[in-house]
């Protein structure tokens, strides 16, 4: 046998991984309660909300999905329960095999301590026990992913173990070599037991399973402690510090894992106190022997077969307590699994009945939902049409309002319902009328008067739109425009009105009276700059009006102005711009 350098590889399942397993739950998953946020439809998205209602049936869908999920979950749990029960039952058989392997390890260590033929005889008696426990296994427990050839199958392992037994004397192995060899083998089987249970969703029994696994690991470390103790008493002392530390490590690890098992399983804690209370004398003997081994103060390196057997016998009693705890935990786990299996079966039956009921009444529900959605669709279309009509009328009313009032003033009225009068320190007012309109009206029909005013004012409306001006009102043949109100434009108001006046003269000169061919419009224009107060007058038919002396002076300027005609051919009638203080004529 190749030398193992007296080194034991610790079991890979550490306290840290077990604590993280305990915090995360079975299979390393953390359990949390998730909440679903509920959403509501916005009133502004009426059409979208209605279409969502038409194309979805959340209650029925939720019921079907929930029933299907519950049924699937119960079925999976039921299958897992049976699988876990089988694994636990098989794990008990593996535990018996590990117990026999631990005994063989101790007897082999005792034999190599060179204490005589009696130990050889006991070792030979341990071989059939191990072989019988191995044959009792219904399947091979080691994972196929294990790359070591000797563990690929039962036959490979039997050949490997028998070869080691036959070569025990010829390889000159030491007692610690044997402890290391068997410990590595036992570790592989323990790791399989841990991984096989961790692969399942163990639900509410995961703490008990963790306690069961911790007991198995604690038993192995106690077995190692027993093996190193046998080596100590067989040789008389630990020959080097390494063997002493391995003994202490096995003892501390066993205590740690057993404490963890008691923490996760109440049953393990009860068994511990009950069983050990009945074995107080044995426990005191073990503690005395442990203190003796810890002291390691033998003056003569001479072994004692009697002390070795005494240590073995008392530690075997302690290990029997562990095995008793394992058996009781196994019974408890099987009871819990049976309860879970019955509960899962009940849930599957209930879910099946509910699902069958849903399937039976689904046609009725579908017909009802179809009629309901058809009615909702009709109502939604009607609402959509009425909504569009309301929006269209709203736009028309806003357009009329914007024609009656400036846009900024109209927006304020819509938001606040009122508009306070505003003072403007500087603006320019334009007023005009038709010369001879009174006489022309008396000689024309009402329709002709309306037609000639419409022609003139349409020309005015087209031209003022390209300037920074606002049309205030028309009264008869009078036309009033202002610049600098309601939007202030600094000192540009005078130039805007002056340019507009020249533009109007030019374009009006090209117009003829509709019912009098050859006759042209004659205008009189007056302008004035100064302060005004602007405000909305009236509530039923509100008007944006200007008040102040500037309005009155502009009217006087217009009434006292000269008749003006714009003509490029007649240079004897130049365009006059007379400015007296802030009063000016065109």
Protein backbone atom coordinates (compact mmCIF):
# COMPACT_ATOMS: atom_id res chain seq x y z
CA UNK A 1 0.00 0.00 0.00
CA UNK A 2 1.35 3.41 -0.90
CA UNK A 3 2.31 5.53 2.04
CA UNK A 4 -0.41 8.02 3.14
CA UNK A 5 2.04 10.25 5.06
CA UNK A 6 -0.11 9.92 8.21
CA UNK A 7 -2.41 12.67 6.89
CA UNK A 8 -6.18 12.73 7.22
CA UNK A 9 -8.22 14.96 4.92
CA UNK A 10 -10.98 16.67 6.96
CA UNK A 11 -14.57 16.03 5.96
CA UNK A 12 -15.63 18.62 3.39
CA UNK A 13 -18.89 19.51 5.15
CA UNK A 14 -17.88 22.32 7.50
CA UNK A 15 -19.87 24.19 10.11
CA UNK A 16 -19.81 27.30 7.92
CA UNK A 17 -21.48 25.49 5.01
CA UNK A 18 -24.06 23.96 7.36
CA UNK A 19 -24.88 27.33 8.88
CA UNK A 20 -25.31 28.85 5.45
CA UNK A 21 -27.48 25.85 4.56
CA UNK A 22 -29.55 26.46 7.67
CA UNK A 23 -29.95 30.16 6.86
CA UNK A 24 -30.80 29.50 3.25
CA UNK A 25 -33.10 26.54 3.78
CA UNK A 26 -33.02 23.27 1.82
CA UNK A 27 -30.98 23.14 -1.34
CA UNK A 28 -29.34 26.46 -0.50
CA UNK A 29 -32.40 28.50 -1.37
CA UNK A 30 -33.40 31.48 0.70
CA UNK A 31 -37.08 31.68 1.39
CA UNK A 32 -38.82 35.04 1.18
CA UNK A 33 -42.40 36.23 0.96
CA UNK A 34 -42.96 38.20 -2.23
CA UNK A 35 -45.72 40.71 -2.55
CA UNK A 36 -47.39 41.69 -5.76
CA UNK A 37 -48.07 45.33 -6.37
CA UNK A 38 -51.57 46.07 -7.66
CA UNK A 39 -52.04 48.52 -10.50
CA UNK A 40 -55.00 50.78 -11.31
CA UNK A 41 -56.15 52.20 -14.59
CA UNK A 42 -55.71 55.91 -15.25
CA UNK A 43 -58.77 57.93 -16.16
CA UNK A 44 -56.80 59.66 -18.93
CA UNK A 45 -56.21 56.31 -20.65
CA UNK A 46 -59.86 55.35 -21.04
CA UNK A 47 -59.55 53.62 -24.41
CA UNK A 48 -56.50 51.63 -23.36
CA UNK A 49 -58.17 50.54 -20.13
CA UNK A 50 -61.26 49.35 -21.96
CA UNK A 51 -59.21 47.39 -24.49
CA UNK A 52 -57.27 45.77 -21.66
CA UNK A 53 -60.55 44.69 -20.08
CA UNK A 54 -61.76 43.28 -23.37
CA UNK A 55 -58.67 41.19 -24.00
CA UNK A 56 -58.10 39.77 -20.51
CA UNK A 57 -59.91 37.62 -17.96
CA UNK A 58 -57.60 37.87 -14.94
CA UNK A 59 -59.77 36.14 -12.35
CA UNK A 60 -60.35 32.96 -14.33
CA UNK A 61 -56.76 32.87 -15.56
CA UNK A 62 -55.47 33.34 -12.02
CA UNK A 63 -57.66 30.53 -10.72
CA UNK A 64 -56.52 28.13 -13.41
CA UNK A 65 -52.86 29.01 -12.97
CA UNK A 66 -53.06 28.85 -9.16
CA UNK A 67 -54.80 25.47 -9.22
CA UNK A 68 -52.30 24.13 -11.73
CA UNK A 69 -49.36 25.44 -9.72
CA UNK A 70 -50.73 24.00 -6.45
CA UNK A 71 -51.36 20.63 -8.08
CA UNK A 72 -47.87 20.58 -9.62
CA UNK A 73 -46.28 21.65 -6.36
CA UNK A 74 -48.15 19.01 -4.36
CA UNK A 75 -47.28 16.31 -6.89
CA UNK A 76 -43.60 17.28 -6.83
CA UNK A 77 -43.59 17.33 -3.04
CA UNK A 78 -45.31 13.93 -2.94
CA UNK A 79 -42.71 12.43 -5.26
CA UNK A 80 -39.87 14.06 -3.32
CA UNK A 81 -41.29 12.71 -0.05
CA UNK A 82 -41.19 9.14 -1.30
CA UNK A 83 -37.70 9.67 -2.70
CA UNK A 84 -36.46 11.16 0.57
CA UNK A 85 -37.98 8.28 2.54
CA UNK A 86 -36.16 5.82 0.30
CA UNK A 87 -32.92 7.74 0.73
CA UNK A 88 -33.31 7.81 4.50
CA UNK A 89 -34.00 4.07 4.60
CA UNK A 90 -31.02 3.43 2.40
CA UNK A 91 -28.96 5.83 4.53
CA UNK A 92 -29.65 3.64 7.59
CA UNK A 93 -28.14 0.69 5.73
CA UNK A 94 -25.18 2.82 4.71
CA UNK A 95 -24.82 3.85 8.36
CA UNK A 96 -24.58 0.19 9.36
CA UNK A 97 -21.92 -0.34 6.74
CA UNK A 98 -19.97 2.71 8.02
CA UNK A 99 -20.24 1.37 11.59
CA UNK A 100 -18.69 -1.93 10.48
CA UNK A 101 -16.02 -0.05 8.55
CA UNK A 102 -15.21 2.05 11.63
CA UNK A 103 -14.85 -1.11 13.73
CA UNK A 104 -12.56 -2.60 11.10
CA UNK A 105 -10.51 0.59 11.18
CA UNK A 106 -10.09 0.34 14.96
CA UNK A 107 -9.19 -3.34 14.89
CA UNK A 108 -6.68 -2.80 12.08
CA UNK A 109 -5.11 0.09 14.01
CA UNK A 110 -4.97 -2.07 17.12
CA UNK A 111 -3.33 -4.95 15.24
CA UNK A 112 -0.64 -2.76 13.71
CA UNK A 113 0.26 -1.51 17.16
CA UNK A 114 1.97 -4.95 17.60
CA UNK A 115 0.12 -6.13 20.67
CA UNK A 116 -0.10 -9.82 19.79
CA UNK A 117 -2.23 -12.38 18.01
CA UNK A 118 -5.42 -11.55 19.90
CA UNK A 119 -5.79 -8.30 17.98
CA UNK A 120 -5.20 -10.17 14.73
CA UNK A 121 -8.02 -12.54 15.55
CA UNK A 122 -10.40 -9.67 16.33
CA UNK A 123 -9.44 -7.98 13.06
CA UNK A 124 -10.23 -11.12 11.09
CA UNK A 125 -13.61 -11.30 12.81
CA UNK A 126 -14.34 -7.68 11.76
CA UNK A 127 -13.84 -8.43 8.03
CA UNK A 128 -17.00 -10.59 7.64
CA UNK A 129 -19.09 -7.98 9.46
CA UNK A 130 -17.97 -5.33 6.98
CA UNK A 131 -18.59 -7.62 4.02
CA UNK A 132 -22.07 -8.51 5.29
CA UNK A 133 -23.01 -4.84 5.75
CA UNK A 134 -21.70 -4.11 2.26
CA UNK A 135 -23.78 -6.94 0.75
CA UNK A 136 -26.85 -5.59 2.57
CA UNK A 137 -26.75 -2.38 0.48
CA UNK A 138 -29.49 -2.50 -2.17
CA UNK A 139 -27.58 -0.17 -4.52
CA UNK A 140 -24.22 1.50 -4.79
CA UNK A 141 -24.28 4.80 -2.89
CA UNK A 142 -21.28 6.62 -4.32
CA UNK A 143 -22.07 9.23 -6.98
CA UNK A 144 -21.13 8.33 -10.59
CA UNK A 145 -19.35 11.69 -10.79
CA UNK A 146 -16.68 10.33 -8.43
CA UNK A 147 -13.56 9.96 -10.57
CA UNK A 148 -11.74 7.48 -8.32
CA UNK A 149 -11.78 4.11 -10.03
CA UNK A 150 -12.08 2.07 -6.83
CA UNK A 151 -15.46 3.68 -6.06
CA UNK A 152 -17.08 3.30 -9.48
CA UNK A 153 -19.07 0.23 -8.43
CA UNK A 154 -19.51 -2.25 -5.61
CA UNK A 155 -17.25 -4.76 -7.36
CA UNK A 156 -14.44 -2.21 -7.77
CA UNK A 157 -14.66 -1.27 -4.09
CA UNK A 158 -14.70 -4.91 -2.89
CA UNK A 159 -11.59 -5.65 -4.93
CA UNK A 160 -9.93 -2.48 -3.65
CA UNK A 161 -10.76 -3.26 0.01
CA UNK A 162 -9.69 -6.93 -0.22
CA UNK A 163 -6.41 -5.98 -1.84
CA UNK A 164 -5.74 -3.58 1.02
CA UNK A 165 -6.48 -6.31 3.57
CA UNK A 166 -4.24 -8.86 1.87
CA UNK A 167 -1.37 -6.38 1.60
CA UNK A 168 -1.69 -5.15 5.18
CA UNK A 169 1.35 -7.03 6.51
CA UNK A 170 3.52 -6.71 3.41
CA UNK A 171 3.17 -2.92 3.05
CA UNK A 172 4.59 -2.20 6.53
CA UNK A 173 1.73 0.26 7.18
CA UNK A 174 1.45 2.00 10.54
CA UNK A 175 -1.61 2.37 12.75
CA UNK A 176 -2.07 5.99 11.69
CA UNK A 177 -1.86 4.91 8.05
CA UNK A 178 -4.82 2.65 8.67
CA UNK A 179 -6.79 5.38 10.40
CA UNK A 180 -6.12 7.68 7.46
CA UNK A 181 -7.05 5.06 4.86
CA UNK A 182 -10.39 4.10 6.40
CA UNK A 183 -11.23 7.72 7.28
CA UNK A 184 -10.86 8.78 3.66
CA UNK A 185 -13.10 5.92 2.56
CA UNK A 186 -15.76 6.69 5.16
CA UNK A 187 -15.65 10.37 4.19
CA UNK A 188 -16.70 9.58 0.60
CA UNK A 189 -19.78 7.67 1.77
CA UNK A 190 -20.73 10.41 4.24
CA UNK A 191 -20.43 13.03 1.52
CA UNK A 192 -22.77 10.99 -0.68
CA UNK A 193 -25.34 10.79 2.15
CA UNK A 194 -25.21 14.56 2.56
CA UNK A 195 -25.48 15.33 -1.17
CA UNK A 196 -28.29 12.81 -1.79
CA UNK A 197 -30.61 14.44 0.77
CA UNK A 198 -29.62 17.99 -0.26
CA UNK A 199 -30.80 17.32 -3.82
CA UNK A 200 -34.44 17.28 -2.71
CA UNK A 201 -36.80 20.05 -1.65
CA UNK A 202 -37.19 18.91 1.96
CA UNK A 203 -39.66 21.62 2.96
CA UNK A 204 -40.36 21.89 6.68
CA UNK A 205 -38.21 18.90 7.76
CA UNK A 206 -34.89 20.32 6.58
CA UNK A 207 -33.75 21.14 10.12
CA UNK A 208 -34.30 17.56 11.24
CA UNK A 209 -32.38 16.32 8.20
CA UNK A 210 -29.51 18.67 8.96
CA UNK A 211 -29.46 17.34 12.53
CA UNK A 212 -29.41 13.78 11.17
CA UNK A 213 -26.47 14.57 8.89
CA UNK A 214 -24.61 16.29 11.71
CA UNK A 215 -25.02 13.20 13.89
CA UNK A 216 -23.48 11.04 11.15
CA UNK A 217 -20.50 13.39 10.85
CA UNK A 218 -20.12 13.55 14.65
CA UNK A 219 -20.15 9.74 14.80
CA UNK A 220 -17.32 9.59 12.28
CA UNK A 221 -15.18 12.02 14.26
CA UNK A 222 -15.88 10.03 17.44
CA UNK A 223 -14.77 6.93 15.52
CA UNK A 224 -11.55 8.70 14.58
CA UNK A 225 -11.05 9.75 18.17
CA UNK A 226 -11.56 6.14 19.22
CA UNK A 227 -9.01 5.00 16.63
CA UNK A 228 -6.34 7.48 17.75
CA UNK A 229 -7.05 6.57 21.38
CA UNK A 230 -6.47 2.91 20.59
CA UNK A 231 -3.22 3.89 18.88
CA UNK A 232 -2.18 5.88 21.97
CA UNK A 233 -2.82 3.08 24.48
CA UNK A 234 -1.42 0.44 22.15
CA UNK A 235 1.90 2.27 21.70
CA UNK A 236 2.04 3.93 25.11
CA UNK A 237 2.23 7.51 23.79
CA UNK A 238 1.92 9.69 20.70
CA UNK A 239 5.32 9.59 19.07
CA UNK A 240 4.99 12.98 17.43
CA UNK A 241 2.97 16.17 17.75
CA UNK A 242 1.00 15.53 14.54
CA UNK A 243 -0.77 12.43 15.89
CA UNK A 244 -1.59 14.25 19.11
CA UNK A 245 -3.14 17.16 17.17
CA UNK A 246 -5.15 14.77 15.00
CA UNK A 247 -6.62 13.21 18.15
CA UNK A 248 -7.54 16.65 19.54
CA UNK A 249 -8.98 17.73 16.21
CA UNK A 250 -11.20 14.63 16.03
CA UNK A 251 -12.46 15.22 19.58
CA UNK A 252 -13.22 18.92 19.03
CA UNK A 253 -14.87 18.29 15.64
CA UNK A 254 -17.09 15.60 17.12
CA UNK A 255 -18.24 17.94 19.88
CA UNK A 256 -18.88 20.75 17.40
CA UNK A 257 -20.95 18.65 15.00
CA UNK A 258 -22.92 17.01 17.79
CA UNK A 259 -23.67 20.44 19.27
CA UNK A 260 -24.86 21.52 15.82
CA UNK A 261 -27.08 18.42 15.60
CA UNK A 262 -28.63 19.23 18.97
CA UNK A 263 -29.20 22.84 17.84
CA UNK A 264 -31.08 21.82 14.66
CA UNK A 265 -32.99 18.89 16.14
CA UNK A 266 -34.80 18.88 19.49
CA UNK A 267 -34.92 15.09 19.33
CA UNK A 268 -31.13 14.87 19.17
CA UNK A 269 -30.84 17.14 22.22
CA UNK A 270 -33.38 15.07 24.19
CA UNK A 271 -31.63 11.83 23.30
CA UNK A 272 -28.29 13.29 24.29
CA UNK A 273 -29.42 14.30 27.77
CA UNK A 274 -31.49 11.16 28.39
CA UNK A 275 -28.92 8.63 27.18
CA UNK A 276 -25.86 10.25 28.72
CA UNK A 277 -27.62 10.80 32.04
CA UNK A 278 -28.07 7.02 32.17
CA UNK A 279 -24.38 6.52 31.37
CA UNK A 280 -22.81 8.89 33.87
CA UNK A 281 -20.26 6.30 34.98
CA UNK A 282 -19.23 5.60 31.36
CA UNK A 283 -18.97 9.30 30.62
CA UNK A 284 -16.73 9.86 33.65
CA UNK A 285 -14.46 7.01 32.57
CA UNK A 286 -14.24 8.43 29.05
CA UNK A 287 -13.40 11.88 30.37
CA UNK A 288 -10.69 10.44 32.60
CA UNK A 289 -9.20 8.51 29.72
CA UNK A 290 -9.36 11.61 27.50
CA UNK A 291 -7.48 13.63 30.11
CA UNK A 292 -4.90 10.85 30.27
CA UNK A 293 -4.47 10.95 26.48
CA UNK A 294 -4.33 14.75 26.44
CA UNK A 295 -1.54 14.69 29.04
CA UNK A 296 0.54 12.33 26.83
CA UNK A 297 3.02 12.01 29.71
CA UNK A 298 3.91 8.29 29.58
CA UNK A 299 7.47 7.91 30.83
CA UNK A 300 7.85 4.50 29.24
CA UNK A 301 6.66 4.02 25.66
CA UNK A 302 5.03 0.69 26.39
CA UNK A 303 1.51 -0.12 25.23
CA UNK A 304 -1.30 -1.73 27.17
CA UNK A 305 -3.80 -4.00 25.43
CA UNK A 306 -6.04 -3.85 28.50
CA UNK A 307 -6.22 -0.04 28.45
CA UNK A 308 -6.74 -0.05 24.70
CA UNK A 309 -9.70 -2.43 25.03
CA UNK A 310 -11.08 -0.42 27.94
CA UNK A 311 -10.91 2.75 25.84
CA UNK A 312 -12.50 0.95 22.92
CA UNK A 313 -15.34 -0.48 25.04
CA UNK A 314 -16.27 2.80 26.69
CA UNK A 315 -16.07 4.80 23.45
CA UNK A 316 -18.24 2.13 21.80
CA UNK A 317 -20.91 2.81 24.44
CA UNK A 318 -20.65 6.53 23.60
CA UNK A 319 -21.00 5.74 19.89
CA UNK A 320 -24.03 3.56 20.66
CA UNK A 321 -25.67 6.69 22.09
CA UNK A 322 -25.01 8.39 18.74
CA UNK A 323 -26.48 5.47 16.80
CA UNK A 324 -29.53 5.48 19.07
CA UNK A 325 -30.01 9.18 18.30
CA UNK A 326 -29.67 8.43 14.58
CA UNK A 327 -32.30 5.68 14.76
CA UNK A 328 -34.77 7.89 16.64
CA UNK A 329 -34.15 10.77 14.26
CA UNK A 330 -34.72 8.39 11.37
CA UNK A 331 -38.06 7.37 12.88
CA UNK A 332 -39.02 11.00 13.39
CA UNK A 333 -38.05 11.91 9.82
CA UNK A 334 -40.09 9.01 8.45
CA UNK A 335 -43.06 10.17 10.53
CA UNK A 336 -42.72 13.72 9.23
CA UNK A 337 -42.38 12.47 5.67
CA UNK A 338 -45.50 10.35 6.08
CA UNK A 339 -47.45 13.35 7.37
CA UNK A 340 -46.17 15.46 4.48
CA UNK A 341 -47.09 12.73 2.01
CA UNK A 342 -50.65 12.56 3.37
CA UNK A 343 -50.96 16.35 3.27
CA UNK A 344 -49.66 16.44 -0.31
CA UNK A 345 -52.10 13.74 -1.36
CA UNK A 346 -54.96 15.68 0.21
CA UNK A 347 -53.90 18.87 -1.57
CA UNK A 348 -53.67 17.00 -4.88
CA UNK A 349 -57.17 15.63 -4.42
CA UNK A 350 -58.55 19.08 -3.59
CA UNK A 351 -56.68 20.65 -6.50
CA UNK A 352 -57.94 17.92 -8.83
CA UNK A 353 -61.54 18.47 -7.74
CA UNK A 354 -61.23 22.23 -8.19
CA UNK A 355 -59.57 21.85 -11.57
CA UNK A 356 -62.27 19.41 -12.71
CA UNK A 357 -64.94 21.85 -11.59
CA UNK A 358 -63.31 24.66 -13.53
CA UNK A 359 -63.09 22.50 -16.64
CA UNK A 360 -66.78 21.59 -16.37
CA UNK A 361 -68.08 25.14 -15.92
CA UNK A 362 -65.59 26.70 -18.35
CA UNK A 363 -68.02 26.67 -21.36
CA UNK A 364 -70.65 28.58 -19.36
CA UNK A 365 -68.06 31.04 -18.13
CA UNK A 366 -66.71 31.52 -21.66
CA UNK A 367 -70.19 32.27 -23.04
CA UNK A 368 -70.91 34.70 -20.23
CA UNK A 369 -67.57 36.44 -20.66
CA UNK A 370 -68.09 36.62 -24.43
CA UNK A 371 -71.46 38.36 -24.02
CA UNK A 372 -70.07 40.63 -21.35
CA UNK A 373 -67.06 41.64 -23.44
CA UNK A 374 -69.30 42.25 -26.47
CA UNK A 375 -71.43 44.67 -24.45
CA UNK A 376 -68.37 46.34 -23.01
CA UNK A 377 -66.95 46.71 -26.50
CA UNK A 378 -70.13 48.38 -27.70
CA UNK A 379 -70.12 50.73 -24.74
CA UNK A 380 -66.44 51.48 -25.25
CA UNK A 381 -66.96 52.34 -28.90
CA UNK A 382 -69.87 54.60 -27.99
CA UNK A 383 -67.79 56.28 -25.29
CA UNK A 384 -64.90 56.69 -27.73
CA UNK A 385 -67.18 58.39 -30.27
CA UNK A 386 -68.65 60.71 -27.65
CA UNK A 387 -65.20 61.49 -26.32
CA UNK A 388 -63.99 62.46 -29.80
CA UNK A 389 -67.08 64.64 -30.31
CA UNK A 390 -66.50 66.36 -26.96
CA UNK A 391 -62.85 66.95 -27.83
CA UNK A 392 -63.81 68.35 -31.23
CA UNK A 393 -66.37 70.73 -29.71
CA UNK A 394 -63.85 71.72 -27.06
CA UNK A 395 -61.32 72.64 -29.73
CA UNK A 396 -63.95 74.64 -31.62
CA UNK A 397 -64.99 76.53 -28.50
CA UNK A 398 -61.34 77.24 -27.69
CA UNK A 399 -60.81 78.52 -31.24
CA UNK A 400 -63.78 80.88 -30.86
CA UNK A 401 -62.50 82.00 -27.46
CA UNK A 402 -59.04 82.68 -28.88
CA UNK A 403 -60.63 84.81 -31.59
CA UNK A 404 -62.52 86.84 -29.02
CA UNK A 405 -59.63 87.18 -26.56
CA UNK A 406 -55.84 87.04 -26.71
CA UNK A 407 -54.48 83.52 -26.17
CA UNK A 408 -52.66 84.41 -22.94
CA UNK A 409 -55.78 86.03 -21.51
CA UNK A 410 -57.97 83.11 -22.58
CA UNK A 411 -55.58 80.61 -20.91
CA UNK A 412 -55.76 82.59 -17.65
CA UNK A 413 -59.56 82.63 -17.82
CA UNK A 414 -59.64 78.84 -18.36
CA UNK A 415 -57.36 78.15 -15.41
CA UNK A 416 -58.53 80.72 -12.85
CA UNK A 417 -61.98 81.75 -14.14
CA UNK A 418 -61.11 85.45 -13.89
CA UNK A 419 -58.70 88.01 -15.32
CA UNK A 420 -57.58 91.18 -13.57
CA UNK A 421 -57.17 94.39 -15.52
CA UNK A 422 -53.56 95.10 -16.49
CA UNK A 423 -51.76 98.43 -16.95
CA UNK A 424 -49.43 98.94 -19.91
CA UNK A 425 -47.13 101.95 -19.71
CA UNK A 426 -46.40 102.02 -23.43
CA UNK A 427 -48.25 100.94 -26.57
CA UNK A 428 -49.53 102.30 -29.90
CA UNK A 429 -53.18 102.28 -30.97
CA UNK A 430 -54.39 102.26 -34.60
CA UNK A 431 -57.93 103.36 -35.54
CA UNK A 432 -59.45 103.70 -39.01
CA UNK A 433 -62.79 104.11 -40.76
CA UNK A 434 -64.20 104.49 -44.27
CA UNK A 435 -64.72 107.98 -45.62
CA UNK A 436 -68.37 108.51 -46.65
CA UNK A 437 -69.55 105.25 -45.19
CA UNK A 438 -72.80 106.76 -43.92
CA UNK A 439 -73.83 108.07 -47.35
CA UNK A 440 -72.66 104.89 -49.04
CA UNK A 441 -74.76 102.81 -46.63
CA UNK A 442 -77.89 104.83 -47.32
CA UNK A 443 -77.48 104.18 -51.06
CA UNK A 444 -76.77 100.47 -50.70
CA UNK A 445 -78.73 97.46 -49.53
CA UNK A 446 -77.83 95.73 -46.21
CA UNK A 447 -76.30 92.78 -48.10
CA UNK A 448 -74.14 95.14 -50.16
CA UNK A 449 -72.97 96.92 -47.01
CA UNK A 450 -72.13 93.63 -45.39
CA UNK A 451 -70.24 92.52 -48.49
CA UNK A 452 -68.14 95.67 -48.78
CA UNK A 453 -67.21 95.61 -45.06
CA UNK A 454 -66.32 91.94 -45.28
CA UNK A 455 -64.03 92.61 -48.24
CA UNK A 456 -62.29 95.48 -46.44
CA UNK A 457 -61.91 93.76 -43.04
CA UNK A 458 -60.73 90.52 -44.63
CA UNK A 459 -57.91 92.46 -46.20
CA UNK A 460 -57.14 94.04 -42.81
CA UNK A 461 -57.16 90.63 -41.06
CA UNK A 462 -54.77 89.15 -43.60
CA UNK A 463 -52.25 91.96 -43.24
CA UNK A 464 -52.20 92.40 -39.46
CA UNK A 465 -51.36 88.72 -39.00
CA UNK A 466 -47.78 89.34 -40.20
CA UNK A 467 -47.12 92.10 -37.66
CA UNK A 468 -46.75 92.18 -33.90
CA UNK A 469 -50.22 93.60 -33.42
CA UNK A 470 -53.55 92.56 -31.94
CA UNK A 471 -57.00 93.30 -33.39
CA UNK A 472 -59.06 94.83 -30.60
CA UNK A 473 -62.48 95.34 -32.21
CA UNK A 474 -64.55 96.45 -35.19
CA UNK A 475 -67.49 98.79 -34.74
CA UNK A 476 -69.41 99.54 -37.94
CA UNK A 477 -66.75 100.65 -40.40
CA UNK A 478 -64.27 101.35 -37.59
CA UNK A 479 -61.25 99.06 -37.11
CA UNK A 480 -59.04 99.18 -34.00
CA UNK A 481 -55.58 97.57 -33.67
CA UNK A 482 -52.97 97.81 -30.91
CA UNK A 483 -49.28 96.89 -30.66
CA UNK A 484 -47.55 96.29 -27.33
CA UNK A 485 -50.73 94.84 -25.80
CA UNK A 486 -51.22 92.19 -24.48
CA UNK A 487 -47.64 91.13 -25.33
CA UNK A 488 -45.13 93.82 -24.50
CA UNK A 489 -42.56 94.48 -27.22
CA UNK A 490 -40.48 97.30 -25.81
CA UNK A 491 -40.33 100.34 -28.16
CA UNK A 492 -41.21 98.42 -31.31
CA UNK A 493 -44.95 99.12 -31.03
CA UNK A 494 -44.81 102.46 -32.90
CA UNK A 495 -42.84 101.08 -35.85
CA UNK A 496 -45.14 98.05 -36.06
CA UNK A 497 -48.27 100.23 -36.27
CA UNK A 498 -46.66 102.68 -38.73
CA UNK A 499 -45.55 99.88 -41.03
CA UNK A 500 -48.97 98.25 -40.78
CA UNK A 501 -50.66 101.54 -41.71
CA UNK A 502 -48.58 101.94 -44.85
CA UNK A 503 -49.17 98.29 -45.74
CA UNK A 504 -52.96 98.69 -45.36
CA UNK A 505 -53.01 101.84 -47.50
CA UNK A 506 -51.12 100.07 -50.23
CA UNK A 507 -53.36 96.99 -50.33
CA UNK A 508 -56.69 98.77 -49.77
CA UNK A 509 -55.91 101.09 -52.71
CA UNK A 510 -56.12 98.03 -54.95
CA UNK A 511 -59.61 97.11 -53.75
CA UNK A 512 -62.79 98.16 -55.49
CA UNK A 513 -66.22 98.36 -53.98
CA UNK A 514 -67.98 95.09 -54.82
CA UNK A 515 -71.21 96.66 -56.07
CA UNK A 516 -69.73 99.87 -57.54
CA UNK A 517 -67.27 99.14 -60.28
CA UNK A 518 -64.40 101.61 -60.50
CA UNK A 519 -65.00 103.01 -57.02
CA UNK A 520 -62.24 102.48 -54.48
CA UNK A 521 -62.14 102.43 -50.69
CA UNK A 522 -61.15 105.67 -48.97
CA UNK A 523 -59.61 105.41 -45.51
CA UNK A 524 -58.90 107.76 -42.66
CA UNK A 525 -56.28 106.52 -40.14
CA UNK A 526 -55.28 107.86 -36.73
CA UNK A 527 -52.58 106.56 -34.40
CA UNK A 528 -51.35 107.48 -30.95
CA UNK A 529 -48.78 106.08 -28.45
CA UNK A 530 -49.20 106.09 -24.70
CA UNK A 531 -50.33 104.12 -21.63
CA UNK A 532 -53.53 102.08 -21.47
CA UNK A 533 -55.40 99.74 -19.14
CA UNK A 534 -56.53 96.44 -20.69
CA UNK A 535 -59.13 94.08 -19.26
CA UNK A 536 -61.91 91.62 -20.01
CA UNK A 537 -65.40 93.07 -19.93
CA UNK A 538 -68.51 90.90 -19.61
CA UNK A 539 -69.05 87.26 -18.71
CA UNK A 540 -71.58 85.91 -21.21
CA UNK A 541 -69.84 87.37 -24.25
CA UNK A 542 -66.52 88.68 -22.88
CA UNK A 543 -64.52 91.24 -24.81
CA UNK A 544 -60.93 92.39 -24.42
CA UNK A 545 -61.11 96.19 -24.19
CA UNK A 546 -58.64 99.08 -23.85
CA UNK A 547 -59.23 102.12 -21.63
CA UNK A 548 -57.45 105.42 -21.20
CA UNK A 549 -56.73 108.75 -22.81
CA UNK A 550 -54.54 107.08 -25.43
CA UNK A 551 -57.65 105.40 -26.91
CA UNK A 552 -59.55 108.68 -26.95
CA UNK A 553 -56.69 110.60 -28.56
CA UNK A 554 -56.22 107.93 -31.23
CA UNK A 555 -59.93 108.29 -32.05
CA UNK A 556 -59.53 112.08 -32.33
CA UNK A 557 -56.51 111.65 -34.55
CA UNK A 558 -58.55 109.41 -36.84
CA UNK A 559 -61.62 111.67 -36.95
CA UNK A 560 -59.55 114.78 -37.69
CA UNK A 561 -57.23 113.11 -40.16
CA UNK A 562 -57.08 113.67 -43.93
CA UNK A 563 -58.42 111.37 -46.58
CA UNK A 564 -55.47 109.35 -47.84
CA UNK A 565 -54.99 107.48 -51.07
CA UNK A 566 -51.84 105.57 -51.87
CA UNK A 567 -50.83 106.09 -55.53
CA UNK A 568 -47.48 105.48 -57.17
CA UNK A 569 -48.43 107.48 -60.29
CA UNK A 570 -49.59 110.61 -58.45
CA UNK A 571 -46.44 112.02 -56.91
CA UNK A 572 -48.26 115.32 -56.16
CA UNK A 573 -49.96 113.50 -53.23
CA UNK A 574 -46.99 112.32 -51.18
CA UNK A 575 -47.42 110.28 -48.02
CA UNK A 576 -47.30 112.73 -45.10
CA UNK A 577 -46.09 111.78 -41.66
CA UNK A 578 -46.73 114.71 -39.31
CA UNK A 579 -45.57 114.33 -35.70
CA UNK A 580 -46.55 116.84 -33.07
CA UNK A 581 -45.24 115.70 -29.72
CA UNK A 582 -46.52 112.11 -29.55
CA UNK A 583 -49.51 112.70 -31.87
CA UNK A 584 -49.03 111.76 -35.48
CA UNK A 585 -51.01 111.39 -38.68
CA UNK A 586 -50.39 109.45 -41.82
